[in-house]
């Protein structure tokens, strides 16, 4: 099944696929360094967004929700499943 998407949309998808993970792991690294006592070797990265995390609001909005909302809004989620 061929999807009809414009060249602009294709470029945006490719750019999102490259930049998104870089921004996500940059945010994880910065927040992990700011959290005194956080050890990425013994603590999962999802703990940065957990209820008892000092950075839960930042991580949950910038790291998880904003990315998901953008994908859902643009309909890219359906494209990635095909």
C-alpha atoms as a PDB file:
ATOM      1  CA  UNK A   1       0.000   0.000   0.000  1.00  0.00           C
ATOM      2  CA  UNK A   2       1.478   3.314  -1.099  1.00  0.00           C
ATOM      3  CA  UNK A   3       0.973   6.363   1.076  1.00  0.00           C
ATOM      4  CA  UNK A   4       0.543   9.698  -0.661  1.00  0.00           C
ATOM      5  CA  UNK A   5       2.560  12.159   1.352  1.00  0.00           C
ATOM      6  CA  UNK A   6       4.259  15.290   0.101  1.00  0.00           C
ATOM      7  CA  UNK A   7       8.021  15.782  -0.107  1.00  0.00           C
ATOM      8  CA  UNK A   8       7.743  18.373   2.673  1.00  0.00           C
ATOM      9  CA  UNK A   9       6.066  15.835   4.951  1.00  0.00           C
ATOM     10  CA  UNK A  10       8.674  13.200   4.068  1.00  0.00           C
ATOM     11  CA  UNK A  11      11.479  15.608   4.972  1.00  0.00           C
ATOM     12  CA  UNK A  12       9.741  16.491   8.233  1.00  0.00           C
ATOM     13  CA  UNK A  13       9.390  12.808   9.124  1.00  0.00           C
ATOM     14  CA  UNK A  14      13.041  12.120   8.381  1.00  0.00           C
ATOM     15  CA  UNK A  15      14.172  15.179  10.326  1.00  0.00           C
ATOM     16  CA  UNK A  16      11.958  14.219  13.279  1.00  0.00           C
ATOM     17  CA  UNK A  17      13.412  10.723  13.254  1.00  0.00           C
ATOM     18  CA  UNK A  18      16.934  12.109  13.481  1.00  0.00           C
ATOM     19  CA  UNK A  19      16.456  15.074  15.819  1.00  0.00           C
ATOM     20  CA  UNK A  20      13.833  13.573  18.162  1.00  0.00           C
ATOM     21  CA  UNK A  21      16.035  10.891  19.743  1.00  0.00           C
ATOM     22  CA  UNK A  22      18.961  13.309  20.061  1.00  0.00           C
ATOM     23  CA  UNK A  23      16.798  15.831  21.935  1.00  0.00           C
ATOM     24  CA  UNK A  24      15.263  13.093  24.086  1.00  0.00           C
ATOM     25  CA  UNK A  25      18.612  11.683  25.204  1.00  0.00           C
ATOM     26  CA  UNK A  26      20.047  15.187  25.679  1.00  0.00           C
ATOM     27  CA  UNK A  27      17.154  15.976  28.011  1.00  0.00           C
ATOM     28  CA  UNK A  28      17.681  12.671  29.842  1.00  0.00           C
ATOM     29  CA  UNK A  29      21.381  13.408  30.272  1.00  0.00           C
ATOM     30  CA  UNK A  30      20.877  16.968  31.525  1.00  0.00           C
ATOM     31  CA  UNK A  31      18.136  16.049  33.993  1.00  0.00           C
ATOM     32  CA  UNK A  32      20.088  12.997  35.148  1.00  0.00           C
ATOM     33  CA  UNK A  33      23.126  15.164  35.863  1.00  0.00           C
ATOM     34  CA  UNK A  34      20.992  17.705  37.727  1.00  0.00           C
ATOM     35  CA  UNK A  35      19.341  15.056  39.944  1.00  0.00           C
ATOM     36  CA  UNK A  36      21.660  14.459  42.879  1.00  0.00           C
ATOM     37  CA  UNK A  37      21.896  10.726  43.496  1.00  0.00           C
ATOM     38  CA  UNK A  38      20.599   9.614  40.087  1.00  0.00           C
ATOM     39  CA  UNK A  39      22.695   6.805  38.674  1.00  0.00           C
ATOM     40  CA  UNK A  40      21.876   5.713  35.125  1.00  0.00           C
ATOM     41  CA  UNK A  41      23.597   2.371  35.744  1.00  0.00           C
ATOM     42  CA  UNK A  42      21.215   1.385  38.542  1.00  0.00           C
ATOM     43  CA  UNK A  43      18.156   3.546  37.879  1.00  0.00           C
ATOM     44  CA  UNK A  44      15.979   3.337  34.789  1.00  0.00           C
ATOM     45  CA  UNK A  45      15.521   6.406  32.638  1.00  0.00           C
ATOM     46  CA  UNK A  46      11.783   6.312  33.258  1.00  0.00           C
ATOM     47  CA  UNK A  47      12.508   7.177  36.904  1.00  0.00           C
ATOM     48  CA  UNK A  48      13.287  10.751  35.804  1.00  0.00           C
ATOM     49  CA  UNK A  49       9.595  11.100  34.960  1.00  0.00           C
ATOM     50  CA  UNK A  50       8.336   9.156  37.982  1.00  0.00           C
ATOM     51  CA  UNK A  51       6.112  10.593  40.721  1.00  0.00           C
ATOM     52  CA  UNK A  52       8.920  11.098  43.260  1.00  0.00           C
ATOM     53  CA  UNK A  53      11.338  12.670  40.764  1.00  0.00           C
ATOM     54  CA  UNK A  54      12.259  16.339  41.226  1.00  0.00           C
ATOM     55  CA  UNK A  55      12.077  16.752  37.434  1.00  0.00           C
ATOM     56  CA  UNK A  56       8.892  14.779  36.741  1.00  0.00           C
ATOM     57  CA  UNK A  57       7.023  17.736  35.229  1.00  0.00           C
ATOM     58  CA  UNK A  58       9.842  18.681  32.874  1.00  0.00           C
ATOM     59  CA  UNK A  59      10.466  15.118  31.716  1.00  0.00           C
ATOM     60  CA  UNK A  60       6.821  14.191  31.349  1.00  0.00           C
ATOM     61  CA  UNK A  61       6.040  17.266  29.275  1.00  0.00           C
ATOM     62  CA  UNK A  62       9.195  17.772  27.206  1.00  0.00           C
ATOM     63  CA  UNK A  63      10.380  14.183  27.103  1.00  0.00           C
ATOM     64  CA  UNK A  64       7.160  12.253  26.668  1.00  0.00           C
ATOM     65  CA  UNK A  65       3.943  14.250  26.199  1.00  0.00           C
ATOM     66  CA  UNK A  66       5.118  16.904  23.769  1.00  0.00           C
ATOM     67  CA  UNK A  67       6.589  14.316  21.405  1.00  0.00           C
ATOM     68  CA  UNK A  68       3.526  12.068  21.604  1.00  0.00           C
ATOM     69  CA  UNK A  69       1.109  14.991  21.131  1.00  0.00           C
ATOM     70  CA  UNK A  70       2.985  16.165  18.049  1.00  0.00           C
ATOM     71  CA  UNK A  71       2.952  12.688  16.513  1.00  0.00           C
ATOM     72  CA  UNK A  72      -0.725  12.193  17.252  1.00  0.00           C
ATOM     73  CA  UNK A  73      -1.677  15.671  16.020  1.00  0.00           C
ATOM     74  CA  UNK A  74       0.100  15.263  12.708  1.00  0.00           C
ATOM     75  CA  UNK A  75      -1.138  11.741  12.176  1.00  0.00           C
ATOM     76  CA  UNK A  76       2.411  10.419  12.013  1.00  0.00           C
ATOM     77  CA  UNK A  77       1.536   7.622  14.391  1.00  0.00           C
ATOM     78  CA  UNK A  78      -0.599   5.994  11.709  1.00  0.00           C
ATOM     79  CA  UNK A  79       2.179   6.378   9.169  1.00  0.00           C
ATOM     80  CA  UNK A  80       4.706   4.684  11.428  1.00  0.00           C
ATOM     81  CA  UNK A  81       2.439   1.671  11.961  1.00  0.00           C
ATOM     82  CA  UNK A  82       2.120   0.857   8.253  1.00  0.00           C
END
